[in-house]
Amino acid sequence: MNPVQLNEKAPEKFQVKFDTSKGEFLVDVTRAWSPNGADRFYNLVKSGFYSECRFFRVVRKFMVQFGISGDPQIAKAWVAASIPDDRAQQSNTRGRITFATAGPNTRTTQLFINFADNSFLDPQGFTPFGEVTTGMNVVDSIHADYGERPDQTQIRIQGNDYLAKNFPNLDYIKTASLVSAQTT
């Protein structure tokens, strides 16, 4: 899980299946929408990074966020492994997936899926790289009672132990895997 080694160029289009505690959903990725984002996502999925990740921030009518490893050692390795921003080609509409960011050039591993039209995020550097094409009903059903309460610093330090103890009903990703890829 060394960020420097996970740098393979993604196919032009690929599909990822998320098997979650709520069921399955599929994400179709188009590299041209966000090349750096698609490449990072592709490498994280191939490496198994998202397995056992919790959906730790769920704000109804806005978005669901995930992507801090439940293993503190892995989370620590990735916390500063940022990628350059991409110029937005698509908008943050319902079902689109994008990397979370804390400012210019700070995208690492955290992702969110838009529950609604959040196009106000477009000029802020939130660049969609794909969209949920099957199973948005599964995404809509992710447990939301904790809202924004889980502390991201504590997730990085303590991992899933912190989440299981303090937020036992969080839904999670069992596995995320490549389903198909198109290189032309």
C-alpha atoms as a PDB file:
ATOM      1  CA  MET A   1       0.000   0.000   0.000  1.00  0.00           C
ATOM      2  CA  ASN A   2       2.865   2.359  -0.775  1.00  0.00           C
ATOM      3  CA  PRO A   3       1.418   5.462  -2.507  1.00  0.00           C
ATOM      4  CA  VAL A   4       4.538   5.935  -4.625  1.00  0.00           C
ATOM      5  CA  GLN A   5       4.193   2.454  -6.127  1.00  0.00           C
ATOM      6  CA  LEU A   6       0.478   2.739  -6.946  1.00  0.00           C
ATOM      7  CA  ASN A   7       0.769   4.952 -10.008  1.00  0.00           C
ATOM      8  CA  GLU A   8      -0.535   2.919 -12.955  1.00  0.00           C
ATOM      9  CA  LYS A   9      -2.426   4.833 -15.633  1.00  0.00           C
ATOM     10  CA  ALA A  10      -6.108   3.908 -15.588  1.00  0.00           C
ATOM     11  CA  PRO A  11      -7.982   2.641 -18.637  1.00  0.00           C
ATOM     12  CA  GLU A  12     -10.028   5.249 -20.515  1.00  0.00           C
ATOM     13  CA  LYS A  13     -13.212   3.740 -19.098  1.00  0.00           C
ATOM     14  CA  PHE A  14     -13.658   1.211 -16.339  1.00  0.00           C
ATOM     15  CA  GLN A  15     -16.315  -0.046 -13.963  1.00  0.00           C
ATOM     16  CA  VAL A  16     -16.013  -0.755 -10.240  1.00  0.00           C
ATOM     17  CA  LYS A  17     -18.380  -2.855  -8.155  1.00  0.00           C
ATOM     18  CA  PHE A  18     -18.816  -1.882  -4.517  1.00  0.00           C
ATOM     19  CA  ASP A  19     -20.120  -4.719  -2.353  1.00  0.00           C
ATOM     20  CA  THR A  20     -21.354  -3.039   0.834  1.00  0.00           C
ATOM     21  CA  SER A  21     -23.208  -3.865   4.025  1.00  0.00           C
ATOM     22  CA  LYS A  22     -26.317  -2.451   2.258  1.00  0.00           C
ATOM     23  CA  GLY A  23     -25.871  -4.233  -1.077  1.00  0.00           C
ATOM     24  CA  GLU A  24     -24.030  -3.601  -4.328  1.00  0.00           C
ATOM     25  CA  PHE A  25     -23.609  -0.572  -6.538  1.00  0.00           C
ATOM     26  CA  LEU A  26     -21.616   0.041  -9.708  1.00  0.00           C
ATOM     27  CA  VAL A  27     -19.528   3.069 -10.609  1.00  0.00           C
ATOM     28  CA  ASP A  28     -18.597   3.818 -14.220  1.00  0.00           C
ATOM     29  CA  VAL A  29     -15.406   5.862 -14.522  1.00  0.00           C
ATOM     30  CA  THR A  30     -14.398   8.008 -17.488  1.00  0.00           C
ATOM     31  CA  ARG A  31     -10.727   8.947 -17.248  1.00  0.00           C
ATOM     32  CA  ALA A  32     -11.141  12.030 -19.475  1.00  0.00           C
ATOM     33  CA  TRP A  33     -13.376  13.617 -16.804  1.00  0.00           C
ATOM     34  CA  SER A  34     -10.519  13.694 -14.263  1.00  0.00           C
ATOM     35  CA  PRO A  35      -7.329  11.892 -15.312  1.00  0.00           C
ATOM     36  CA  ASN A  36      -5.473  12.256 -12.014  1.00  0.00           C
ATOM     37  CA  GLY A  37      -8.582  11.328 -10.027  1.00  0.00           C
ATOM     38  CA  ALA A  38      -9.379   8.312 -12.216  1.00  0.00           C
ATOM     39  CA  ASP A  39      -5.790   7.080 -12.024  1.00  0.00           C
ATOM     40  CA  ARG A  40      -5.724   7.356  -8.222  1.00  0.00           C
ATOM     41  CA  PHE A  41      -9.112   5.648  -7.861  1.00  0.00           C
ATOM     42  CA  TYR A  42      -8.078   2.838 -10.235  1.00  0.00           C
ATOM     43  CA  ASN A  43      -4.915   2.130  -8.252  1.00  0.00           C
ATOM     44  CA  LEU A  44      -6.674   2.268  -4.892  1.00  0.00           C
ATOM     45  CA  VAL A  45      -9.368  -0.150  -6.067  1.00  0.00           C
ATOM     46  CA  LYS A  46      -6.811  -2.546  -7.595  1.00  0.00           C
ATOM     47  CA  SER A  47      -4.841  -2.586  -4.340  1.00  0.00           C
ATOM     48  CA  GLY A  48      -7.918  -3.347  -2.207  1.00  0.00           C
ATOM     49  CA  PHE A  49      -7.658  -0.048  -0.343  1.00  0.00           C
ATOM     50  CA  TYR A  50     -11.422   0.475   0.040  1.00  0.00           C
ATOM     51  CA  SER A  51     -12.139  -2.956   1.581  1.00  0.00           C
ATOM     52  CA  GLU A  52     -13.602  -2.504   5.073  1.00  0.00           C
ATOM     53  CA  CYS A  53     -13.768   1.302   4.723  1.00  0.00           C
ATOM     54  CA  ARG A  54     -16.707   2.854   6.545  1.00  0.00           C
ATOM     55  CA  PHE A  55     -19.126   5.432   5.146  1.00  0.00           C
ATOM     56  CA  PHE A  56     -18.204   7.854   7.928  1.00  0.00           C
ATOM     57  CA  ARG A  57     -19.911  11.062   6.824  1.00  0.00           C
ATOM     58  CA  VAL A  58     -23.469  10.925   5.531  1.00  0.00           C
ATOM     59  CA  VAL A  59     -25.410  14.137   5.014  1.00  0.00           C
ATOM     60  CA  ARG A  60     -28.850  13.498   3.522  1.00  0.00           C
ATOM     61  CA  LYS A  61     -29.706  15.535   0.432  1.00  0.00           C
ATOM     62  CA  PHE A  62     -25.971  16.329   0.079  1.00  0.00           C
ATOM     63  CA  MET A  63     -23.475  13.449  -0.024  1.00  0.00           C
ATOM     64  CA  VAL A  64     -21.951  10.294   1.503  1.00  0.00           C
ATOM     65  CA  GLN A  65     -18.210  10.280   2.199  1.00  0.00           C
ATOM     66  CA  PHE A  66     -15.734   7.425   2.678  1.00  0.00           C
ATOM     67  CA  GLY A  67     -12.122   6.513   2.001  1.00  0.00           C
ATOM     68  CA  ILE A  68     -10.092   6.633   5.205  1.00  0.00           C
ATOM     69  CA  SER A  69      -8.542   3.218   5.693  1.00  0.00           C
ATOM     70  CA  GLY A  70      -9.716   1.303   8.743  1.00  0.00           C
ATOM     71  CA  ASP A  71      -6.091   0.272   9.304  1.00  0.00           C
ATOM     72  CA  PRO A  72      -4.229   3.170  10.992  1.00  0.00           C
ATOM     73  CA  GLN A  73      -0.886   2.207   9.403  1.00  0.00           C
ATOM     74  CA  ILE A  74      -2.377   2.381   5.908  1.00  0.00           C
ATOM     75  CA  ALA A  75      -4.240   5.606   6.697  1.00  0.00           C
ATOM     76  CA  LYS A  76      -0.968   7.160   7.913  1.00  0.00           C
ATOM     77  CA  ALA A  77       0.844   6.186   4.696  1.00  0.00           C
ATOM     78  CA  TRP A  78      -1.781   7.926   2.554  1.00  0.00           C
ATOM     79  CA  VAL A  79      -2.618  11.061   4.553  1.00  0.00           C
ATOM     80  CA  ALA A  80      -0.116  13.241   2.661  1.00  0.00           C
ATOM     81  CA  ALA A  81      -0.139  11.379  -0.682  1.00  0.00           C
ATOM     82  CA  SER A  82      -1.992  14.079  -2.581  1.00  0.00           C
ATOM     83  CA  ILE A  83      -2.588  14.292  -6.304  1.00  0.00           C
ATOM     84  CA  PRO A  84      -2.766  17.408  -8.490  1.00  0.00           C
ATOM     85  CA  ASP A  85      -6.148  18.909  -9.219  1.00  0.00           C
ATOM     86  CA  ASP A  86      -7.904  18.246 -12.522  1.00  0.00           C
ATOM     87  CA  ARG A  87      -9.937  20.825 -14.377  1.00  0.00           C
ATOM     88  CA  ALA A  88     -13.622  19.996 -14.010  1.00  0.00           C
ATOM     89  CA  GLN A  89     -15.181  18.391 -17.081  1.00  0.00           C
ATOM     90  CA  GLN A  90     -18.428  17.312 -15.407  1.00  0.00           C
ATOM     91  CA  SER A  91     -20.684  18.611 -12.666  1.00  0.00           C
ATOM     92  CA  ASN A  92     -21.390  17.287  -9.166  1.00  0.00           C
ATOM     93  CA  THR A  93     -24.866  16.036  -9.944  1.00  0.00           C
ATOM     94  CA  ARG A  94     -26.744  13.174  -8.278  1.00  0.00           C
ATOM     95  CA  GLY A  95     -24.769   9.917  -8.394  1.00  0.00           C
ATOM     96  CA  ARG A  96     -21.459  11.464  -9.414  1.00  0.00           C
ATOM     97  CA  ILE A  97     -18.378  10.446  -7.448  1.00  0.00           C
ATOM     98  CA  THR A  98     -15.473  12.762  -6.677  1.00  0.00           C
ATOM     99  CA  PHE A  99     -12.492  13.062  -4.368  1.00  0.00           C
ATOM    100  CA  ALA A 100     -12.899  15.137  -1.242  1.00  0.00           C
ATOM    101  CA  THR A 101     -10.478  18.033  -0.997  1.00  0.00           C
ATOM    102  CA  ALA A 102      -9.310  20.460   1.680  1.00  0.00           C
ATOM    103  CA  GLY A 103      -8.075  23.002  -0.856  1.00  0.00           C
ATOM    104  CA  PRO A 104      -5.968  23.077  -4.016  1.00  0.00           C
ATOM    105  CA  ASN A 105      -4.027  19.891  -4.776  1.00  0.00           C
ATOM    106  CA  THR A 106      -5.022  18.038  -1.586  1.00  0.00           C
ATOM    107  CA  ARG A 107      -6.952  15.026  -2.943  1.00  0.00           C
ATOM    108  CA  THR A 108      -5.740  11.745  -1.400  1.00  0.00           C
ATOM    109  CA  THR A 109      -8.081   8.765  -0.829  1.00  0.00           C
ATOM    110  CA  GLN A 110     -11.373  10.172   0.453  1.00  0.00           C
ATOM    111  CA  LEU A 111     -14.342  10.114  -1.898  1.00  0.00           C
ATOM    112  CA  PHE A 112     -17.939  11.186  -1.849  1.00  0.00           C
ATOM    113  CA  ILE A 113     -21.023  10.393  -3.857  1.00  0.00           C
ATOM    114  CA  ASN A 114     -23.501  13.191  -4.439  1.00  0.00           C
ATOM    115  CA  PHE A 115     -27.075  12.574  -3.265  1.00  0.00           C
ATOM    116  CA  ALA A 116     -28.319  15.689  -5.083  1.00  0.00           C
ATOM    117  CA  ASP A 117     -27.332  18.360  -7.583  1.00  0.00           C
ATOM    118  CA  ASN A 118     -24.301  19.862  -5.837  1.00  0.00           C
ATOM    119  CA  SER A 119     -23.029  21.864  -8.788  1.00  0.00           C
ATOM    120  CA  PHE A 120     -22.088  24.662  -6.377  1.00  0.00           C
ATOM    121  CA  LEU A 121     -19.042  22.457  -5.595  1.00  0.00           C
ATOM    122  CA  ASP A 122     -17.753  22.548  -9.182  1.00  0.00           C
ATOM    123  CA  PRO A 123     -15.715  25.782  -8.925  1.00  0.00           C
ATOM    124  CA  GLN A 124     -14.265  24.647  -5.565  1.00  0.00           C
ATOM    125  CA  GLY A 125     -12.106  21.888  -7.055  1.00  0.00           C
ATOM    126  CA  PHE A 126     -14.424  18.928  -6.524  1.00  0.00           C
ATOM    127  CA  THR A 127     -13.967  17.160  -9.859  1.00  0.00           C
ATOM    128  CA  PRO A 128     -16.178  14.138 -10.632  1.00  0.00           C
ATOM    129  CA  PHE A 129     -14.443  11.200 -12.294  1.00  0.00           C
ATOM    130  CA  GLY A 130     -17.357   8.773 -12.489  1.00  0.00           C
ATOM    131  CA  GLU A 131     -20.936   8.057 -11.581  1.00  0.00           C
ATOM    132  CA  VAL A 132     -23.093   5.426  -9.952  1.00  0.00           C
ATOM    133  CA  THR A 133     -24.894   3.699 -12.822  1.00  0.00           C
ATOM    134  CA  THR A 134     -26.534   0.844 -10.923  1.00  0.00           C
ATOM    135  CA  GLY A 135     -27.575   0.705  -7.294  1.00  0.00           C
ATOM    136  CA  MET A 136     -28.091   4.355  -6.392  1.00  0.00           C
ATOM    137  CA  ASN A 137     -30.918   3.078  -4.184  1.00  0.00           C
ATOM    138  CA  VAL A 138     -28.240   1.223  -2.188  1.00  0.00           C
ATOM    139  CA  VAL A 139     -26.226   4.435  -1.821  1.00  0.00           C
ATOM    140  CA  ASP A 140     -29.383   6.278  -0.749  1.00  0.00           C
ATOM    141  CA  SER A 141     -29.977   3.707   2.008  1.00  0.00           C
ATOM    142  CA  ILE A 142     -26.568   4.090   3.715  1.00  0.00           C
ATOM    143  CA  HIS A 143     -26.964   4.713   7.445  1.00  0.00           C
ATOM    144  CA  ALA A 144     -27.119   8.467   8.073  1.00  0.00           C
ATOM    145  CA  ASP A 145     -27.966   8.851  11.762  1.00  0.00           C
ATOM    146  CA  TYR A 146     -24.413   9.846  12.751  1.00  0.00           C
ATOM    147  CA  GLY A 147     -24.228  12.638  10.170  1.00  0.00           C
ATOM    148  CA  GLU A 148     -20.830  14.327  10.422  1.00  0.00           C
ATOM    149  CA  ARG A 149     -20.005  13.212  13.985  1.00  0.00           C
ATOM    150  CA  PRO A 150     -17.196  10.687  13.390  1.00  0.00           C
ATOM    151  CA  ASP A 151     -13.889  12.529  13.869  1.00  0.00           C
ATOM    152  CA  GLN A 152     -11.636  12.066  10.839  1.00  0.00           C
ATOM    153  CA  THR A 153      -8.444  12.461  12.877  1.00  0.00           C
ATOM    154  CA  GLN A 154      -9.581   9.694  15.225  1.00  0.00           C
ATOM    155  CA  ILE A 155     -10.452   7.481  12.254  1.00  0.00           C
ATOM    156  CA  ARG A 156      -6.898   7.901  10.932  1.00  0.00           C
ATOM    157  CA  ILE A 157      -5.334   7.284  14.367  1.00  0.00           C
ATOM    158  CA  GLN A 158      -7.543   4.439  15.639  1.00  0.00           C
ATOM    159  CA  GLY A 159      -9.108   3.102  12.447  1.00  0.00           C
ATOM    160  CA  ASN A 160     -12.150   0.881  12.461  1.00  0.00           C
ATOM    161  CA  ASP A 161     -11.721   0.185  16.206  1.00  0.00           C
ATOM    162  CA  TYR A 162     -12.748   3.792  16.922  1.00  0.00           C
ATOM    163  CA  LEU A 163     -15.671   3.594  14.517  1.00  0.00           C
ATOM    164  CA  ALA A 164     -16.933   0.215  15.761  1.00  0.00           C
ATOM    165  CA  LYS A 165     -16.835   1.369  19.380  1.00  0.00           C
ATOM    166  CA  ASN A 166     -18.414   4.797  18.899  1.00  0.00           C
ATOM    167  CA  PHE A 167     -20.496   4.441  15.716  1.00  0.00           C
ATOM    168  CA  PRO A 168     -21.450   0.760  15.522  1.00  0.00           C
ATOM    169  CA  ASN A 169     -24.190   1.189  12.912  1.00  0.00           C
ATOM    170  CA  LEU A 170     -22.021   2.692  10.180  1.00  0.00           C
ATOM    171  CA  ASP A 171     -22.380   0.947   6.858  1.00  0.00           C
ATOM    172  CA  TYR A 172     -19.194  -0.128   5.131  1.00  0.00           C
ATOM    173  CA  ILE A 173     -17.585  -1.416   1.975  1.00  0.00           C
ATOM    174  CA  LYS A 174     -16.909  -5.139   2.050  1.00  0.00           C
ATOM    175  CA  THR A 175     -14.942  -4.968  -1.200  1.00  0.00           C
ATOM    176  CA  ALA A 176     -14.469  -2.694  -4.189  1.00  0.00           C
ATOM    177  CA  SER A 177     -13.308  -4.463  -7.343  1.00  0.00           C
ATOM    178  CA  LEU A 178     -12.718  -3.815 -11.021  1.00  0.00           C
ATOM    179  CA  VAL A 179     -15.463  -5.306 -13.172  1.00  0.00           C
ATOM    180  CA  SER A 180     -14.439  -4.165 -16.639  1.00  0.00           C
ATOM    181  CA  ALA A 181     -11.969  -1.889 -18.395  1.00  0.00           C
ATOM    182  CA  GLN A 182     -11.780  -0.318 -21.836  1.00  0.00           C
ATOM    183  CA  THR A 183      -8.393   0.906 -23.042  1.00  0.00           C
ATOM    184  CA  THR A 184      -9.339   2.445 -26.376  1.00  0.00           C
END
